């Protein structure tokens, strides 16, 4: 076998597709980041025909190249919450407005083997959008986000995802120094808003793009 690692993950992701679809998610498979971009441009967007788009913080989403494409293509009203020219107040207001777009893009911190999405936010704009607001949500799920169960998902997020993200963002939190969650009271704490999405309601509102590649954290 030429690529046993990819084959291993393909088998596991196919099982995950069944679980996610049973939970009401629309699910798409992609071999890599470029294929995930193609799925969105050729399959998802032509189907839902959004007039407005936005996104939450996600290295997986940005890794597909879709951020630049959607921002610059001119086909949509874009609420760019990553615009560095905005003041903090304007960024926050744009995040609020982004909760009413036709299509919201983000990643997930973890997905369980039984098809639940688990996320933890600092501000809550991403977790809020997943739960309610945007007409459609497209969530990119790379293979490294797959865990056994809810306990494993929360442990992964608190003891890996959160500390690594605080390091990436140069936050002043204890986990930057320790490498694991200290359940801190820091003003820059990013572990504030949990979201556990067991099912998509309405059915198909959340579209999951499974990527057979390690991306993001």
Protein backbone atom coordinates (compact mmCIF):
# COMPACT_ATOMS: atom_id res chain seq x y z
CA UNK A 1 0.00 0.00 0.00
CA UNK A 2 1.48 3.32 -1.11
CA UNK A 3 -0.02 5.60 1.52
CA UNK A 4 -1.24 3.68 4.58
CA UNK A 5 -1.70 6.82 6.70
CA UNK A 6 -4.10 8.44 4.24
CA UNK A 7 -5.87 5.12 3.78
CA UNK A 8 -6.26 4.76 7.56
CA UNK A 9 -7.80 8.19 7.83
CA UNK A 10 -10.02 7.71 4.80
CA UNK A 11 -11.57 4.65 6.42
CA UNK A 12 -12.10 6.49 9.71
CA UNK A 13 -13.52 9.58 8.04
CA UNK A 14 -15.97 7.48 6.02
CA UNK A 15 -17.30 6.08 9.28
CA UNK A 16 -17.55 9.62 10.64
CA UNK A 17 -19.57 10.69 7.59
CA UNK A 18 -22.26 8.17 8.54
CA UNK A 19 -22.42 9.45 12.11
CA UNK A 20 -22.51 13.11 11.10
CA UNK A 21 -25.22 12.55 8.51
CA UNK A 22 -27.26 10.65 11.08
CA UNK A 23 -27.02 13.78 13.23
CA UNK A 24 -28.45 15.98 10.49
CA UNK A 25 -25.26 17.51 9.11
CA UNK A 26 -24.62 17.77 5.38
CA UNK A 27 -21.19 16.20 4.91
CA UNK A 28 -18.57 16.55 2.17
CA UNK A 29 -15.24 14.73 1.86
CA UNK A 30 -12.03 16.36 0.64
CA UNK A 31 -8.57 14.84 0.25
CA UNK A 32 -6.75 18.07 1.13
CA UNK A 33 -7.11 21.81 1.60
CA UNK A 34 -7.32 22.56 -2.12
CA UNK A 35 -10.04 19.96 -2.57
CA UNK A 36 -11.95 21.47 0.38
CA UNK A 37 -11.87 24.84 -1.39
CA UNK A 38 -13.21 23.22 -4.56
CA UNK A 39 -16.05 21.56 -2.63
CA UNK A 40 -17.16 24.94 -1.30
CA UNK A 41 -16.89 26.76 -4.62
CA UNK A 42 -18.32 24.03 -6.84
CA UNK A 43 -20.84 22.27 -4.59
CA UNK A 44 -21.88 24.20 -1.48
CA UNK A 45 -22.08 27.81 -2.64
CA UNK A 46 -23.92 27.05 -5.92
CA UNK A 47 -26.49 25.12 -3.90
CA UNK A 48 -27.21 27.63 -1.14
CA UNK A 49 -26.62 30.78 -3.24
CA UNK A 50 -25.68 33.16 -0.40
CA UNK A 51 -25.68 36.90 -0.87
CA UNK A 52 -23.61 37.59 2.27
CA UNK A 53 -20.71 35.74 3.90
CA UNK A 54 -18.48 35.99 6.95
CA UNK A 55 -16.27 33.82 9.12
CA UNK A 56 -14.92 33.09 12.57
CA UNK A 57 -11.32 32.58 13.57
CA UNK A 58 -10.00 29.40 11.95
CA UNK A 59 -6.58 28.41 10.68
CA UNK A 60 -8.20 25.52 8.83
CA UNK A 61 -10.52 27.86 6.94
CA UNK A 62 -7.69 30.26 6.10
CA UNK A 63 -5.52 27.29 5.04
CA UNK A 64 -7.93 26.47 2.22
CA UNK A 65 -7.36 29.84 0.57
CA UNK A 66 -11.07 30.61 0.71
CA UNK A 67 -10.62 33.71 2.85
CA UNK A 68 -8.76 35.60 0.12
CA UNK A 69 -11.07 34.26 -2.60
CA UNK A 70 -14.31 35.22 -0.88
CA UNK A 71 -12.94 38.57 0.24
CA UNK A 72 -11.76 39.57 -3.22
CA UNK A 73 -14.06 37.85 -5.74
CA UNK A 74 -16.81 40.48 -5.59
CA UNK A 75 -19.65 37.95 -5.69
CA UNK A 76 -20.87 38.48 -2.12
CA UNK A 77 -21.47 41.06 0.53
CA UNK A 78 -18.48 40.34 2.77
CA UNK A 79 -18.36 41.08 6.48
CA UNK A 80 -14.62 40.71 6.97
CA UNK A 81 -14.06 40.25 10.70
CA UNK A 82 -10.33 39.83 10.05
CA UNK A 83 -9.87 43.31 8.58
CA UNK A 84 -6.84 44.66 10.44
CA UNK A 85 -7.68 48.25 9.55
CA UNK A 86 -10.74 48.17 11.84
CA UNK A 87 -10.70 49.44 15.39
CA UNK A 88 -11.48 46.96 18.14
CA UNK A 89 -14.93 48.48 18.51
CA UNK A 90 -15.62 48.17 14.79
CA UNK A 91 -14.40 44.58 14.76
CA UNK A 92 -16.78 43.71 17.56
CA UNK A 93 -19.69 45.35 15.76
CA UNK A 94 -18.85 43.49 12.58
CA UNK A 95 -18.79 40.22 14.50
CA UNK A 96 -22.31 41.00 15.68
CA UNK A 97 -23.46 41.76 12.14
CA UNK A 98 -21.84 38.53 10.92
CA UNK A 99 -24.36 36.53 12.92
CA UNK A 100 -26.98 37.42 10.30
CA UNK A 101 -25.15 36.46 7.10
CA UNK A 102 -26.36 33.82 4.67
CA UNK A 103 -23.22 31.71 5.06
CA UNK A 104 -20.72 31.63 7.93
CA UNK A 105 -17.39 29.78 7.69
CA UNK A 106 -15.34 28.39 10.56
CA UNK A 107 -13.47 25.37 11.86
CA UNK A 108 -14.04 23.14 14.86
CA UNK A 109 -11.79 22.39 17.81
CA UNK A 110 -12.83 18.75 17.95
CA UNK A 111 -15.27 16.23 16.51
CA UNK A 112 -16.22 13.06 18.33
CA UNK A 113 -16.48 9.60 16.79
CA UNK A 114 -20.26 9.71 17.23
CA UNK A 115 -20.50 12.92 15.22
CA UNK A 116 -20.64 15.83 17.69
CA UNK A 117 -18.80 19.12 17.20
CA UNK A 118 -17.09 20.62 20.25
CA UNK A 119 -15.77 24.19 20.41
CA UNK A 120 -14.43 26.70 22.91
CA UNK A 121 -14.23 30.47 22.25
CA UNK A 122 -12.85 33.57 23.89
CA UNK A 123 -15.50 36.00 22.61
CA UNK A 124 -18.19 33.55 21.54
CA UNK A 125 -18.90 34.88 18.04
CA UNK A 126 -17.91 31.55 16.45
CA UNK A 127 -19.78 29.33 18.90
CA UNK A 128 -22.81 31.65 18.69
CA UNK A 129 -22.87 31.47 14.88
CA UNK A 130 -22.69 27.69 14.93
CA UNK A 131 -25.70 27.54 17.20
CA UNK A 132 -27.96 30.22 15.73
CA UNK A 133 -28.03 33.18 13.38
CA UNK A 134 -26.46 32.57 9.97
CA UNK A 135 -28.73 30.74 7.54
CA UNK A 136 -25.93 28.29 6.70
CA UNK A 137 -22.71 27.37 8.48
CA UNK A 138 -19.78 25.66 6.74
CA UNK A 139 -17.40 23.98 9.17
CA UNK A 140 -14.02 22.66 8.08
CA UNK A 141 -12.96 19.57 10.01
CA UNK A 142 -9.45 18.28 9.40
CA UNK A 143 -8.61 14.72 10.41
CA UNK A 144 -6.48 15.73 13.40
CA UNK A 145 -9.64 17.04 15.14
CA UNK A 146 -11.17 13.55 15.50
CA UNK A 147 -11.37 12.25 19.08
CA UNK A 148 -13.12 9.35 20.79
CA UNK A 149 -15.75 11.12 22.87
CA UNK A 150 -16.83 14.32 24.62
CA UNK A 151 -14.35 13.96 27.48
CA UNK A 152 -11.52 13.49 24.99
CA UNK A 153 -12.71 16.50 23.01
CA UNK A 154 -12.73 18.78 26.04
CA UNK A 155 -9.34 17.52 27.17
CA UNK A 156 -7.89 18.09 23.70
CA UNK A 157 -9.20 21.64 23.65
CA UNK A 158 -8.16 22.64 27.17
CA UNK A 159 -4.76 20.95 27.22
CA UNK A 160 -3.65 21.42 23.61
CA UNK A 161 -5.76 23.70 21.42
CA UNK A 162 -6.14 26.55 23.91
CA UNK A 163 -2.49 26.70 25.05
CA UNK A 164 -1.19 26.54 21.47
CA UNK A 165 -3.58 29.29 20.39
CA UNK A 166 -2.58 31.54 23.29
CA UNK A 167 1.05 31.07 22.22
CA UNK A 168 0.16 31.86 18.59
CA UNK A 169 -1.66 35.02 19.64
CA UNK A 170 1.00 36.09 22.18
CA UNK A 171 -1.56 36.19 24.97
CA UNK A 172 -0.57 36.75 28.57
CA UNK A 173 -2.02 33.62 30.17
CA UNK A 174 -0.45 30.99 32.45
CA UNK A 175 -0.80 28.23 29.85
CA UNK A 176 1.71 30.04 27.63
CA UNK A 177 4.35 29.17 30.22
CA UNK A 178 3.05 25.81 31.45
CA UNK A 179 1.77 24.33 28.18
CA UNK A 180 -1.49 23.18 29.75
CA UNK A 181 -4.69 24.70 31.08
CA UNK A 182 -4.47 26.38 34.50
CA UNK A 183 -8.16 27.38 34.58
CA UNK A 184 -6.92 30.92 34.96
CA UNK A 185 -8.57 34.25 35.69
CA UNK A 186 -6.40 36.14 33.23
CA UNK A 187 -8.01 39.12 31.43
CA UNK A 188 -6.79 37.50 28.22
CA UNK A 189 -8.25 34.06 28.99
CA UNK A 190 -9.55 32.52 25.76
CA UNK A 191 -11.51 29.65 27.40
CA UNK A 192 -14.89 31.26 27.96
CA UNK A 193 -17.70 29.96 25.74
CA UNK A 194 -18.34 26.26 25.16
CA UNK A 195 -20.44 24.91 22.30
CA UNK A 196 -21.42 21.24 21.94
CA UNK A 197 -23.35 20.61 18.74
CA UNK A 198 -24.93 17.17 18.83
CA UNK A 199 -27.16 17.68 15.81
CA UNK A 200 -27.77 20.22 13.07
CA UNK A 201 -31.07 22.04 13.35
CA UNK A 202 -32.63 22.57 10.94
CA UNK A 203 -31.26 19.48 9.25
CA UNK A 204 -28.57 20.42 6.75
CA UNK A 205 -28.09 23.97 8.06
CA UNK A 206 -24.56 23.02 9.11
CA UNK A 207 -22.37 21.69 6.33
CA UNK A 208 -19.26 19.79 7.44
CA UNK A 209 -16.27 19.52 5.11
CA UNK A 210 -14.08 16.63 6.27
CA UNK A 211 -10.46 17.03 5.16
CA UNK A 212 -8.08 14.06 4.99
CA UNK A 213 -5.16 16.22 6.02
CA UNK A 214 -3.80 17.69 9.25
CA UNK A 215 -4.67 21.38 9.41
CA UNK A 216 -4.84 24.02 12.12
CA UNK A 217 -4.63 23.00 15.76
